Amino acid sequence: MFGNNSILFCNILCSQNLKNIGGKLCSFLGLLKKEIKIFMKNFEGTPFKDPLKDHSVVDVDRGLFEQVGDNSDYVVRAGLYSVNDTTRGTYSDRLDELDKEARDIENKYLNNVKCFRDIQDSFSINVPVNFVLGKNEKGDRVVYAITDTITGITLDKGNEILDKEVKDDFVLKLEALHVNLIDYLDMMTRKHKTVLIDIIRLEQYVYGSRPNETSKDIYLVDVDLLVSEENEDGYYDRILANILVLANVIHISYEKYKIGNRESLEKLLNLITFLEESIRLEIKDDNEEDFIRRTRYFSSPARYLIKNILQYLSPENINGEI
């Protein structure tokens, strides 16, 4: 939508009555003229030139997805977003409540949006998304997530692919995604950086093509700004819980397609140990009860799943069944 390596943050606070709310439009850096058109003229205070309506391509079972006017090349979603994973609710509620701290909120929001640029630029995870902070037709302040329309199937339905050549490409790219997700969690956690914690589930990704393209790839299209921030309590706990989700996803993929990267899986095991050690350092008086409470529901099941796959990835069991 905005180029393979460009994820932009556009702070739109409703062009009508701008003086009243003290807002301003951010510059649309890097946008092509044809891409900027959908934002040039606002419809009833929204950031769009035409009204939103149900999307004509995207399956409605995946949530509330809309398009701007008749333009189905992009998917618009006004979702329930949070600056971090400890505060749920609409941005209407969030920003109205913290209006005096709007600048801090927006700066924090901008920093979190950069996380999506990072996973694309540094970890080769395709995220064709742009976020816009604006108003809806009711005048509520909301966050719009705007993604390319990817025509294809979600990763949890990969077994429906019948063409062998396409299936082989899908499986190859699925395994690469697992490796990239492990690398992302490992590097960001060890550097104690803000980590996106809702980018793991198979149904969040689509294997398919962008508008006017025929080549297929895997794209993250179900995006929420849920993060574990480096300066928050429970930073390691949230990432450990996320690893259990990832271990389960990888286990399901192995069962279906017999794929798994030994080096990456061993890296994931080491990351679990690192997280446990980090959590233990946070616990006062070496309280074993507290340590068990914070880790046992995540680390043990994740280890079991990963080791189960590794067992069957050994040379003598390369075609083994779980």
C-alpha atoms as a PDB file:
ATOM      1  CA  MET A   1       0.000   0.000   0.000  1.00  0.00           C
ATOM      2  CA  PHE A   2       2.692   2.477   0.990  1.00  0.00           C
ATOM      3  CA  GLY A   3       5.682   0.582  -0.344  1.00  0.00           C
ATOM      4  CA  ASN A   4       7.347  -2.491   1.065  1.00  0.00           C
ATOM      5  CA  ASN A   5       9.463  -0.604   3.556  1.00  0.00           C
ATOM      6  CA  SER A   6       7.262   2.288   4.559  1.00  0.00           C
ATOM      7  CA  ILE A   7       4.871   2.242   7.502  1.00  0.00           C
ATOM      8  CA  LEU A   8       3.648   5.713   8.315  1.00  0.00           C
ATOM      9  CA  PHE A   9       1.943   7.318  11.282  1.00  0.00           C
ATOM     10  CA  CYS A  10      -0.601   9.948  10.298  1.00  0.00           C
ATOM     11  CA  ASN A  11      -2.050  12.013  13.135  1.00  0.00           C
ATOM     12  CA  ILE A  12      -5.382  13.281  11.847  1.00  0.00           C
ATOM     13  CA  LEU A  13      -7.543  15.167  14.333  1.00  0.00           C
ATOM     14  CA  CYS A  14     -10.497  16.021  12.078  1.00  0.00           C
ATOM     15  CA  SER A  15     -10.083  18.829   9.522  1.00  0.00           C
ATOM     16  CA  GLN A  16     -13.443  20.304  10.471  1.00  0.00           C
ATOM     17  CA  ASN A  17     -13.115  22.443  13.583  1.00  0.00           C
ATOM     18  CA  LEU A  18      -9.330  22.002  13.715  1.00  0.00           C
ATOM     19  CA  LYS A  19      -8.958  25.269  15.591  1.00  0.00           C
ATOM     20  CA  ASN A  20     -11.354  24.121  18.259  1.00  0.00           C
ATOM     21  CA  ILE A  21      -9.423  20.980  19.098  1.00  0.00           C
ATOM     22  CA  GLY A  22      -5.965  22.391  18.529  1.00  0.00           C
ATOM     23  CA  GLY A  23      -5.054  19.535  16.209  1.00  0.00           C
ATOM     24  CA  LYS A  24      -2.878  19.514  13.181  1.00  0.00           C
ATOM     25  CA  LEU A  25      -2.251  17.282  10.223  1.00  0.00           C
ATOM     26  CA  CYS A  26       1.038  15.413  10.052  1.00  0.00           C
ATOM     27  CA  SER A  27       2.822  15.575   6.708  1.00  0.00           C
ATOM     28  CA  PHE A  28       2.241  12.592   4.471  1.00  0.00           C
ATOM     29  CA  LEU A  29       5.910  11.784   3.855  1.00  0.00           C
ATOM     30  CA  GLY A  30       6.616   9.118   1.288  1.00  0.00           C
ATOM     31  CA  LEU A  31       3.049   8.848  -0.065  1.00  0.00           C
ATOM     32  CA  LEU A  32       2.460   8.764  -3.778  1.00  0.00           C
ATOM     33  CA  LYS A  33      -0.084  11.192  -5.155  1.00  0.00           C
ATOM     34  CA  LYS A  34      -2.524   8.435  -6.034  1.00  0.00           C
ATOM     35  CA  GLU A  35      -2.277   7.084  -2.485  1.00  0.00           C
ATOM     36  CA  ILE A  36      -2.819  10.445  -0.859  1.00  0.00           C
ATOM     37  CA  LYS A  37      -6.165  10.977  -2.561  1.00  0.00           C
ATOM     38  CA  ILE A  38      -8.136   8.940  -0.048  1.00  0.00           C
ATOM     39  CA  PHE A  39      -7.122  11.420   2.661  1.00  0.00           C
ATOM     40  CA  MET A  40      -7.355  14.741   0.792  1.00  0.00           C
ATOM     41  CA  LYS A  41     -10.977  15.585   1.493  1.00  0.00           C
ATOM     42  CA  ASN A  42     -12.644  14.547   4.703  1.00  0.00           C
ATOM     43  CA  PHE A  43     -16.058  12.950   4.878  1.00  0.00           C
ATOM     44  CA  GLU A  44     -18.091  14.169   7.868  1.00  0.00           C
ATOM     45  CA  GLY A  45     -14.990  14.799   9.952  1.00  0.00           C
ATOM     46  CA  THR A  46     -13.298  11.478   9.172  1.00  0.00           C
ATOM     47  CA  PRO A  47      -9.822  11.294   7.580  1.00  0.00           C
ATOM     48  CA  PHE A  48     -11.363   9.999   4.322  1.00  0.00           C
ATOM     49  CA  LYS A  49     -12.820  11.647   1.236  1.00  0.00           C
ATOM     50  CA  ASP A  50     -15.708   9.161   0.938  1.00  0.00           C
ATOM     51  CA  PRO A  51     -17.862   7.308   3.467  1.00  0.00           C
ATOM     52  CA  LEU A  52     -16.772   3.934   4.768  1.00  0.00           C
ATOM     53  CA  LYS A  53     -18.803   0.875   3.829  1.00  0.00           C
ATOM     54  CA  ASP A  54     -18.530  -2.906   4.137  1.00  0.00           C
ATOM     55  CA  HIS A  55     -15.538  -4.274   2.293  1.00  0.00           C
ATOM     56  CA  SER A  56     -16.422  -6.000  -0.961  1.00  0.00           C
ATOM     57  CA  VAL A  57     -13.524  -8.483  -0.958  1.00  0.00           C
ATOM     58  CA  VAL A  58     -12.454  -9.332   2.583  1.00  0.00           C
ATOM     59  CA  ASP A  59     -14.381 -12.116   4.320  1.00  0.00           C
ATOM     60  CA  VAL A  60     -16.635 -10.540   6.949  1.00  0.00           C
ATOM     61  CA  ASP A  61     -15.929 -13.485   9.263  1.00  0.00           C
ATOM     62  CA  ARG A  62     -12.525 -11.923   9.971  1.00  0.00           C
ATOM     63  CA  GLY A  63     -14.096  -8.950  11.714  1.00  0.00           C
ATOM     64  CA  LEU A  64     -15.441  -5.521  10.866  1.00  0.00           C
ATOM     65  CA  PHE A  65     -13.586  -4.525   7.717  1.00  0.00           C
ATOM     66  CA  GLU A  66     -14.513  -1.582   5.543  1.00  0.00           C
ATOM     67  CA  GLN A  67     -13.359   0.287   2.468  1.00  0.00           C
ATOM     68  CA  VAL A  68     -13.329   3.949   1.471  1.00  0.00           C
ATOM     69  CA  GLY A  69     -16.064   4.473  -1.071  1.00  0.00           C
ATOM     70  CA  ASP A  70     -15.606   2.042  -3.957  1.00  0.00           C
ATOM     71  CA  ASN A  71     -11.874   1.584  -3.389  1.00  0.00           C
ATOM     72  CA  SER A  72     -11.446  -2.065  -2.370  1.00  0.00           C
ATOM     73  CA  ASP A  73      -7.637  -2.040  -2.698  1.00  0.00           C
ATOM     74  CA  TYR A  74      -7.379  -1.076   0.962  1.00  0.00           C
ATOM     75  CA  VAL A  75      -8.995  -2.432   4.103  1.00  0.00           C
ATOM     76  CA  VAL A  76      -9.979   0.048   6.806  1.00  0.00           C
ATOM     77  CA  ARG A  77     -10.585  -1.035  10.368  1.00  0.00           C
ATOM     78  CA  ALA A  78     -11.573   1.205  13.256  1.00  0.00           C
ATOM     79  CA  GLY A  79     -10.661  -1.104  16.062  1.00  0.00           C
ATOM     80  CA  LEU A  80     -10.264  -1.350  19.800  1.00  0.00           C
ATOM     81  CA  TYR A  81      -6.694  -0.227  20.249  1.00  0.00           C
ATOM     82  CA  SER A  82      -4.526   0.559  23.238  1.00  0.00           C
ATOM     83  CA  VAL A  83      -1.254   2.366  23.681  1.00  0.00           C
ATOM     84  CA  ASN A  84      -0.085  -0.674  25.616  1.00  0.00           C
ATOM     85  CA  ASP A  85      -1.534  -4.023  26.593  1.00  0.00           C
ATOM     86  CA  THR A  86      -2.538  -2.905  30.099  1.00  0.00           C
ATOM     87  CA  THR A  87      -5.189  -0.441  28.905  1.00  0.00           C
ATOM     88  CA  ARG A  88      -8.004  -1.809  26.763  1.00  0.00           C
ATOM     89  CA  GLY A  89     -10.797   0.175  25.160  1.00  0.00           C
ATOM     90  CA  THR A  90     -11.443   2.486  22.262  1.00  0.00           C
ATOM     91  CA  TYR A  91      -9.147   5.381  21.593  1.00  0.00           C
ATOM     92  CA  SER A  92     -12.230   7.524  21.990  1.00  0.00           C
ATOM     93  CA  ASP A  93     -12.271   6.635  25.679  1.00  0.00           C
ATOM     94  CA  ARG A  94      -8.502   6.639  26.044  1.00  0.00           C
ATOM     95  CA  LEU A  95      -7.808  10.023  24.458  1.00  0.00           C
ATOM     96  CA  ASP A  96     -10.776  11.819  25.969  1.00  0.00           C
ATOM     97  CA  GLU A  97      -9.715  10.638  29.406  1.00  0.00           C
ATOM     98  CA  LEU A  98      -6.124  11.703  28.899  1.00  0.00           C
ATOM     99  CA  ASP A  99      -6.678  14.750  26.742  1.00  0.00           C
ATOM    100  CA  LYS A 100      -4.282  16.859  28.828  1.00  0.00           C
ATOM    101  CA  GLU A 101      -1.553  14.346  28.097  1.00  0.00           C
ATOM    102  CA  ALA A 102      -2.366  14.092  24.392  1.00  0.00           C
ATOM    103  CA  ARG A 103       1.160  14.868  23.258  1.00  0.00           C
ATOM    104  CA  ASP A 104       2.668  12.171  25.456  1.00  0.00           C
ATOM    105  CA  ILE A 105       0.060   9.683  24.303  1.00  0.00           C
ATOM    106  CA  GLU A 106       0.677  10.489  20.654  1.00  0.00           C
ATOM    107  CA  ASN A 107       4.442  10.246  21.039  1.00  0.00           C
ATOM    108  CA  LYS A 108       4.066   6.900  22.753  1.00  0.00           C
ATOM    109  CA  TYR A 109       1.687   5.785  20.036  1.00  0.00           C
ATOM    110  CA  LEU A 110       4.138   6.841  17.345  1.00  0.00           C
ATOM    111  CA  ASN A 111       6.919   4.854  18.999  1.00  0.00           C
ATOM    112  CA  ASN A 112       4.739   1.758  19.092  1.00  0.00           C
ATOM    113  CA  VAL A 113       3.808   2.129  15.433  1.00  0.00           C
ATOM    114  CA  LYS A 114       7.526   2.020  14.668  1.00  0.00           C
ATOM    115  CA  CYS A 115       7.513  -1.556  15.947  1.00  0.00           C
ATOM    116  CA  PHE A 116       5.680  -2.608  12.791  1.00  0.00           C
ATOM    117  CA  ARG A 117       8.304  -0.913  10.647  1.00  0.00           C
ATOM    118  CA  ASP A 118      10.977  -2.771  12.606  1.00  0.00           C
ATOM    119  CA  ILE A 119       9.503  -6.236  12.080  1.00  0.00           C
ATOM    120  CA  GLN A 120       9.292  -5.560   8.362  1.00  0.00           C
ATOM    121  CA  ASP A 121      12.648  -3.892   7.817  1.00  0.00           C
ATOM    122  CA  SER A 122      14.723  -5.948  10.250  1.00  0.00           C
ATOM    123  CA  PHE A 123      12.909  -9.294  10.406  1.00  0.00           C
ATOM    124  CA  SER A 124      11.325  -9.632   6.940  1.00  0.00           C
ATOM    125  CA  ILE A 125       7.754  -9.928   8.215  1.00  0.00           C
ATOM    126  CA  ASN A 126       5.467  -8.252   5.684  1.00  0.00           C
ATOM    127  CA  VAL A 127       3.115  -5.718   7.291  1.00  0.00           C
ATOM    128  CA  PRO A 128       1.324  -3.611   4.646  1.00  0.00           C
ATOM    129  CA  VAL A 129      -0.280  -1.294   7.193  1.00  0.00           C
ATOM    130  CA  ASN A 130      -0.681   2.368   7.992  1.00  0.00           C
ATOM    131  CA  PHE A 131      -2.311   3.778  11.150  1.00  0.00           C
ATOM    132  CA  VAL A 132      -4.360   6.954  11.237  1.00  0.00           C
ATOM    133  CA  LEU A 133      -5.507   8.726  14.381  1.00  0.00           C
ATOM    134  CA  GLY A 134      -8.715  10.595  13.623  1.00  0.00           C
ATOM    135  CA  LYS A 135     -12.467  10.727  14.135  1.00  0.00           C
ATOM    136  CA  ASN A 136     -15.311   8.546  12.971  1.00  0.00           C
ATOM    137  CA  GLU A 137     -18.622   9.772  11.575  1.00  0.00           C
ATOM    138  CA  LYS A 138     -20.016  10.070  15.111  1.00  0.00           C
ATOM    139  CA  GLY A 139     -17.185  12.367  16.116  1.00  0.00           C
ATOM    140  CA  ASP A 140     -15.463   9.810  18.347  1.00  0.00           C
ATOM    141  CA  ARG A 141     -11.670   9.844  18.338  1.00  0.00           C
ATOM    142  CA  VAL A 142     -10.515   6.472  17.048  1.00  0.00           C
ATOM    143  CA  VAL A 143      -7.570   4.738  15.435  1.00  0.00           C
ATOM    144  CA  TYR A 144      -7.908   3.449  11.897  1.00  0.00           C
ATOM    145  CA  ALA A 145      -5.698   0.623  10.687  1.00  0.00           C
ATOM    146  CA  ILE A 146      -5.398   0.701   6.889  1.00  0.00           C
ATOM    147  CA  THR A 147      -3.931  -2.337   5.142  1.00  0.00           C
ATOM    148  CA  ASP A 148      -3.550  -3.520   1.590  1.00  0.00           C
ATOM    149  CA  THR A 149      -6.263  -5.932   0.551  1.00  0.00           C
ATOM    150  CA  ILE A 150      -4.489  -9.273   0.384  1.00  0.00           C
ATOM    151  CA  THR A 151      -6.366 -11.818  -1.705  1.00  0.00           C
ATOM    152  CA  GLY A 152      -5.693 -15.297  -0.359  1.00  0.00           C
ATOM    153  CA  ILE A 153      -6.201 -17.514   2.679  1.00  0.00           C
ATOM    154  CA  THR A 154      -5.282 -17.225   6.339  1.00  0.00           C
ATOM    155  CA  LEU A 155      -2.424 -19.467   7.444  1.00  0.00           C
ATOM    156  CA  ASP A 156      -4.668 -21.708   9.523  1.00  0.00           C
ATOM    157  CA  LYS A 157      -6.323 -22.837   6.263  1.00  0.00           C
ATOM    158  CA  GLY A 158      -3.137 -23.790   4.422  1.00  0.00           C
ATOM    159  CA  ASN A 159      -4.228 -27.423   4.188  1.00  0.00           C
ATOM    160  CA  GLU A 160      -6.929 -26.284   1.737  1.00  0.00           C
ATOM    161  CA  ILE A 161      -4.261 -25.542  -0.899  1.00  0.00           C
ATOM    162  CA  LEU A 162      -4.423 -28.337  -3.496  1.00  0.00           C
ATOM    163  CA  ASP A 163      -1.840 -27.231  -6.056  1.00  0.00           C
ATOM    164  CA  LYS A 164       1.479 -28.876  -5.119  1.00  0.00           C
ATOM    165  CA  GLU A 165       3.679 -26.023  -6.366  1.00  0.00           C
ATOM    166  CA  VAL A 166       1.654 -23.444  -4.459  1.00  0.00           C
ATOM    167  CA  LYS A 167       1.550 -25.694  -1.380  1.00  0.00           C
ATOM    168  CA  ASP A 168       5.338 -26.094  -1.423  1.00  0.00           C
ATOM    169  CA  ASP A 169       5.759 -22.305  -1.641  1.00  0.00           C
ATOM    170  CA  PHE A 170       3.291 -21.795   1.214  1.00  0.00           C
ATOM    171  CA  VAL A 171       5.075 -24.284   3.488  1.00  0.00           C
ATOM    172  CA  LEU A 172       8.496 -22.801   2.706  1.00  0.00           C
ATOM    173  CA  LYS A 173       7.319 -19.292   3.564  1.00  0.00           C
ATOM    174  CA  LEU A 174       5.467 -20.480   6.670  1.00  0.00           C
ATOM    175  CA  GLU A 175       8.648 -22.011   8.063  1.00  0.00           C
ATOM    176  CA  ALA A 176      10.552 -18.787   7.257  1.00  0.00           C
ATOM    177  CA  LEU A 177       7.904 -16.844   9.183  1.00  0.00           C
ATOM    178  CA  HIS A 178       8.437 -19.064  12.241  1.00  0.00           C
ATOM    179  CA  VAL A 179      12.177 -18.430  12.070  1.00  0.00           C
ATOM    180  CA  ASN A 180      11.660 -14.668  11.718  1.00  0.00           C
ATOM    181  CA  LEU A 181       9.242 -14.524  14.654  1.00  0.00           C
ATOM    182  CA  ILE A 182      11.685 -16.407  16.878  1.00  0.00           C
ATOM    183  CA  ASP A 183      14.523 -14.100  15.819  1.00  0.00           C
ATOM    184  CA  TYR A 184      12.331 -11.081  16.559  1.00  0.00           C
ATOM    185  CA  LEU A 185      11.331 -12.198  20.045  1.00  0.00           C
ATOM    186  CA  ASP A 186      14.857 -13.309  20.890  1.00  0.00           C
ATOM    187  CA  MET A 187      16.675 -10.176  19.769  1.00  0.00           C
ATOM    188  CA  MET A 188      14.176  -7.639  21.075  1.00  0.00           C
ATOM    189  CA  THR A 189      13.809  -9.354  24.445  1.00  0.00           C
ATOM    190  CA  ARG A 190      17.534  -9.729  25.040  1.00  0.00           C
ATOM    191  CA  LYS A 191      17.976  -6.054  24.163  1.00  0.00           C
ATOM    192  CA  HIS A 192      15.058  -5.224  26.475  1.00  0.00           C
ATOM    193  CA  LYS A 193      13.141  -3.376  23.760  1.00  0.00           C
ATOM    194  CA  THR A 194       9.413  -2.870  23.292  1.00  0.00           C
ATOM    195  CA  VAL A 195       7.946  -6.051  21.796  1.00  0.00           C
ATOM    196  CA  LEU A 196       4.759  -6.542  19.801  1.00  0.00           C
ATOM    197  CA  ILE A 197       2.820  -9.289  21.565  1.00  0.00           C
ATOM    198  CA  ASP A 198      -0.089  -9.897  19.187  1.00  0.00           C
ATOM    199  CA  ILE A 199       1.570 -10.991  15.949  1.00  0.00           C
ATOM    200  CA  ILE A 200       1.760 -14.752  16.445  1.00  0.00           C
ATOM    201  CA  ARG A 201      -1.584 -16.389  15.624  1.00  0.00           C
ATOM    202  CA  LEU A 202      -1.959 -18.107  12.250  1.00  0.00           C
ATOM    203  CA  GLU A 203      -5.284 -16.433  11.486  1.00  0.00           C
ATOM    204  CA  GLN A 204      -3.609 -13.015  11.689  1.00  0.00           C
ATOM    205  CA  TYR A 205      -1.663 -13.730   8.514  1.00  0.00           C
ATOM    206  CA  VAL A 206      -2.787 -14.159   4.918  1.00  0.00           C
ATOM    207  CA  TYR A 207      -0.931 -16.054   2.208  1.00  0.00           C
ATOM    208  CA  GLY A 208      -1.826 -14.301  -1.010  1.00  0.00           C
ATOM    209  CA  SER A 209      -1.302 -11.366  -3.344  1.00  0.00           C
ATOM    210  CA  ARG A 210      -1.466  -7.589  -3.122  1.00  0.00           C
ATOM    211  CA  PRO A 211      -3.797  -5.668  -5.456  1.00  0.00           C
ATOM    212  CA  ASN A 212      -2.674  -5.891  -9.104  1.00  0.00           C
ATOM    213  CA  GLU A 213       0.034  -8.455  -8.262  1.00  0.00           C
ATOM    214  CA  THR A 214       0.231 -12.185  -8.956  1.00  0.00           C
ATOM    215  CA  SER A 215       3.156 -13.234  -6.762  1.00  0.00           C
ATOM    216  CA  LYS A 216       2.181 -14.679  -3.395  1.00  0.00           C
ATOM    217  CA  ASP A 217       3.678 -14.043   0.021  1.00  0.00           C
ATOM    218  CA  ILE A 218       2.674 -14.091   3.683  1.00  0.00           C
ATOM    219  CA  TYR A 219       1.339 -10.821   5.123  1.00  0.00           C
ATOM    220  CA  LEU A 220       0.410  -9.788   8.643  1.00  0.00           C
ATOM    221  CA  VAL A 221      -2.991  -8.130   8.184  1.00  0.00           C
ATOM    222  CA  ASP A 222      -4.698  -8.421  11.582  1.00  0.00           C
ATOM    223  CA  VAL A 223      -2.748  -5.789  13.486  1.00  0.00           C
ATOM    224  CA  ASP A 224      -3.255  -4.468  16.997  1.00  0.00           C
ATOM    225  CA  LEU A 225      -0.958  -2.100  18.840  1.00  0.00           C
ATOM    226  CA  LEU A 226      -0.477  -4.414  21.792  1.00  0.00           C
ATOM    227  CA  VAL A 227       3.044  -4.303  23.155  1.00  0.00           C
ATOM    228  CA  SER A 228       5.135  -5.217  26.138  1.00  0.00           C
ATOM    229  CA  GLU A 229       7.134  -2.092  26.892  1.00  0.00           C
ATOM    230  CA  GLU A 230      10.637  -2.264  28.304  1.00  0.00           C
ATOM    231  CA  ASN A 231       9.832  -0.048  31.272  1.00  0.00           C
ATOM    232  CA  GLU A 232       6.642  -1.827  32.341  1.00  0.00           C
ATOM    233  CA  ASP A 233       6.144  -4.306  35.135  1.00  0.00           C
ATOM    234  CA  GLY A 234       5.514  -7.797  33.797  1.00  0.00           C
ATOM    235  CA  TYR A 235       7.607  -7.227  30.663  1.00  0.00           C
ATOM    236  CA  TYR A 236       9.151 -10.703  30.760  1.00  0.00           C
ATOM    237  CA  ASP A 237       5.911 -12.393  31.826  1.00  0.00           C
ATOM    238  CA  ARG A 238       4.011 -11.164  28.772  1.00  0.00           C
ATOM    239  CA  ILE A 239       6.744 -12.274  26.412  1.00  0.00           C
ATOM    240  CA  LEU A 240       6.895 -15.696  28.078  1.00  0.00           C
ATOM    241  CA  ALA A 241       3.141 -16.074  27.588  1.00  0.00           C
ATOM    242  CA  ASN A 242       3.595 -15.062  23.958  1.00  0.00           C
ATOM    243  CA  ILE A 243       6.237 -17.738  23.476  1.00  0.00           C
ATOM    244  CA  LEU A 244       3.732 -20.394  24.540  1.00  0.00           C
ATOM    245  CA  VAL A 245       1.399 -19.172  21.794  1.00  0.00           C
ATOM    246  CA  LEU A 246       4.259 -19.320  19.285  1.00  0.00           C
ATOM    247  CA  ALA A 247       5.310 -22.809  20.415  1.00  0.00           C
ATOM    248  CA  ASN A 248       1.748 -24.010  19.902  1.00  0.00           C
ATOM    249  CA  VAL A 249       1.604 -22.442  16.419  1.00  0.00           C
ATOM    250  CA  ILE A 250       4.884 -24.090  15.425  1.00  0.00           C
ATOM    251  CA  HIS A 251       3.705 -27.426  16.829  1.00  0.00           C
ATOM    252  CA  ILE A 252       0.488 -27.253  14.786  1.00  0.00           C
ATOM    253  CA  SER A 253       2.507 -26.431  11.669  1.00  0.00           C
ATOM    254  CA  TYR A 254       4.817 -29.372  12.278  1.00  0.00           C
ATOM    255  CA  GLU A 255       1.886 -31.743  12.661  1.00  0.00           C
ATOM    256  CA  LYS A 256       0.401 -30.553   9.365  1.00  0.00           C
ATOM    257  CA  TYR A 257       3.484 -30.042   7.213  1.00  0.00           C
ATOM    258  CA  LYS A 258       6.419 -31.700   9.028  1.00  0.00           C
ATOM    259  CA  ILE A 259       8.405 -28.464   9.132  1.00  0.00           C
ATOM    260  CA  GLY A 260      10.697 -27.135  11.820  1.00  0.00           C
ATOM    261  CA  ASN A 261      14.058 -25.387  12.043  1.00  0.00           C
ATOM    262  CA  ARG A 262      16.217 -27.046  14.687  1.00  0.00           C
ATOM    263  CA  GLU A 263      18.497 -24.042  15.222  1.00  0.00           C
ATOM    264  CA  SER A 264      15.569 -21.671  15.705  1.00  0.00           C
ATOM    265  CA  LEU A 265      13.741 -24.038  18.047  1.00  0.00           C
ATOM    266  CA  GLU A 266      16.837 -24.411  20.196  1.00  0.00           C
ATOM    267  CA  LYS A 267      17.105 -20.604  20.229  1.00  0.00           C
ATOM    268  CA  LEU A 268      13.521 -20.478  21.485  1.00  0.00           C
ATOM    269  CA  LEU A 269      14.340 -22.929  24.290  1.00  0.00           C
ATOM    270  CA  ASN A 270      17.281 -20.762  25.315  1.00  0.00           C
ATOM    271  CA  LEU A 271      15.034 -17.704  25.301  1.00  0.00           C
ATOM    272  CA  ILE A 272      12.640 -19.405  27.710  1.00  0.00           C
ATOM    273  CA  THR A 273      15.559 -20.024  30.073  1.00  0.00           C
ATOM    274  CA  PHE A 274      16.646 -16.394  29.714  1.00  0.00           C
ATOM    275  CA  LEU A 275      13.142 -15.201  30.582  1.00  0.00           C
ATOM    276  CA  GLU A 276      12.944 -17.451  33.617  1.00  0.00           C
ATOM    277  CA  GLU A 277      16.290 -16.159  34.865  1.00  0.00           C
ATOM    278  CA  SER A 278      15.173 -12.557  34.266  1.00  0.00           C
ATOM    279  CA  ILE A 279      11.931 -13.117  36.166  1.00  0.00           C
ATOM    280  CA  ARG A 280      13.803 -14.728  39.052  1.00  0.00           C
ATOM    281  CA  LEU A 281      16.045 -11.663  39.310  1.00  0.00           C
ATOM    282  CA  GLU A 282      12.951  -9.480  39.695  1.00  0.00           C
ATOM    283  CA  ILE A 283      11.583 -11.509  42.591  1.00  0.00           C
ATOM    284  CA  LYS A 284      12.440 -10.246  46.042  1.00  0.00           C
ATOM    285  CA  ASP A 285      13.905 -12.617  48.623  1.00  0.00           C
ATOM    286  CA  ASP A 286      14.152 -15.369  46.007  1.00  0.00           C
ATOM    287  CA  ASN A 287      10.513 -16.302  46.595  1.00  0.00           C
ATOM    288  CA  GLU A 288      10.129 -19.680  44.863  1.00  0.00           C
ATOM    289  CA  GLU A 289       6.358 -19.604  45.174  1.00  0.00           C
ATOM    290  CA  ASP A 290       6.198 -16.323  43.294  1.00  0.00           C
ATOM    291  CA  PHE A 291       8.567 -17.621  40.626  1.00  0.00           C
ATOM    292  CA  ILE A 292       6.460 -20.725  40.037  1.00  0.00           C
ATOM    293  CA  ARG A 293       3.291 -18.643  39.897  1.00  0.00           C
ATOM    294  CA  ARG A 294       4.763 -16.424  37.177  1.00  0.00           C
ATOM    295  CA  THR A 295       6.296 -19.125  35.004  1.00  0.00           C
ATOM    296  CA  ARG A 296       4.787 -22.596  35.370  1.00  0.00           C
ATOM    297  CA  TYR A 297       1.757 -22.092  33.126  1.00  0.00           C
ATOM    298  CA  PHE A 298       3.927 -20.886  30.257  1.00  0.00           C
ATOM    299  CA  SER A 299       7.500 -22.163  30.317  1.00  0.00           C
ATOM    300  CA  SER A 300       6.814 -25.863  30.959  1.00  0.00           C
ATOM    301  CA  PRO A 301       4.115 -26.299  28.273  1.00  0.00           C
ATOM    302  CA  ALA A 302       6.199 -24.316  25.754  1.00  0.00           C
ATOM    303  CA  ARG A 303       9.283 -26.436  26.461  1.00  0.00           C
ATOM    304  CA  TYR A 304       7.260 -29.618  26.062  1.00  0.00           C
ATOM    305  CA  LEU A 305       5.927 -28.578  22.641  1.00  0.00           C
ATOM    306  CA  ILE A 306       9.329 -27.471  21.353  1.00  0.00           C
ATOM    307  CA  LYS A 307      11.164 -30.550  22.592  1.00  0.00           C
ATOM    308  CA  ASN A 308       8.449 -32.727  21.114  1.00  0.00           C
ATOM    309  CA  ILE A 309       9.180 -31.279  17.681  1.00  0.00           C
ATOM    310  CA  LEU A 310      12.961 -31.487  18.136  1.00  0.00           C
ATOM    311  CA  GLN A 311      12.659 -35.163  18.985  1.00  0.00           C
ATOM    312  CA  TYR A 312      11.159 -35.870  15.574  1.00  0.00           C
ATOM    313  CA  LEU A 313      13.499 -33.547  13.703  1.00  0.00           C
ATOM    314  CA  SER A 314      16.452 -35.806  14.507  1.00  0.00           C
ATOM    315  CA  PRO A 315      17.861 -37.600  11.428  1.00  0.00           C
ATOM    316  CA  GLU A 316      16.543 -41.024  12.409  1.00  0.00           C
ATOM    317  CA  ASN A 317      13.020 -39.630  12.877  1.00  0.00           C
ATOM    318  CA  ILE A 318      12.877 -37.030  10.135  1.00  0.00           C
ATOM    319  CA  ASN A 319       9.582 -38.475   8.865  1.00  0.00           C
ATOM    320  CA  GLY A 320       8.280 -39.340  12.310  1.00  0.00           C
ATOM    321  CA  GLU A 321       4.809 -38.666  13.538  1.00  0.00           C
ATOM    322  CA  ILE A 322       3.896 -36.833  16.737  1.00  0.00           C
END
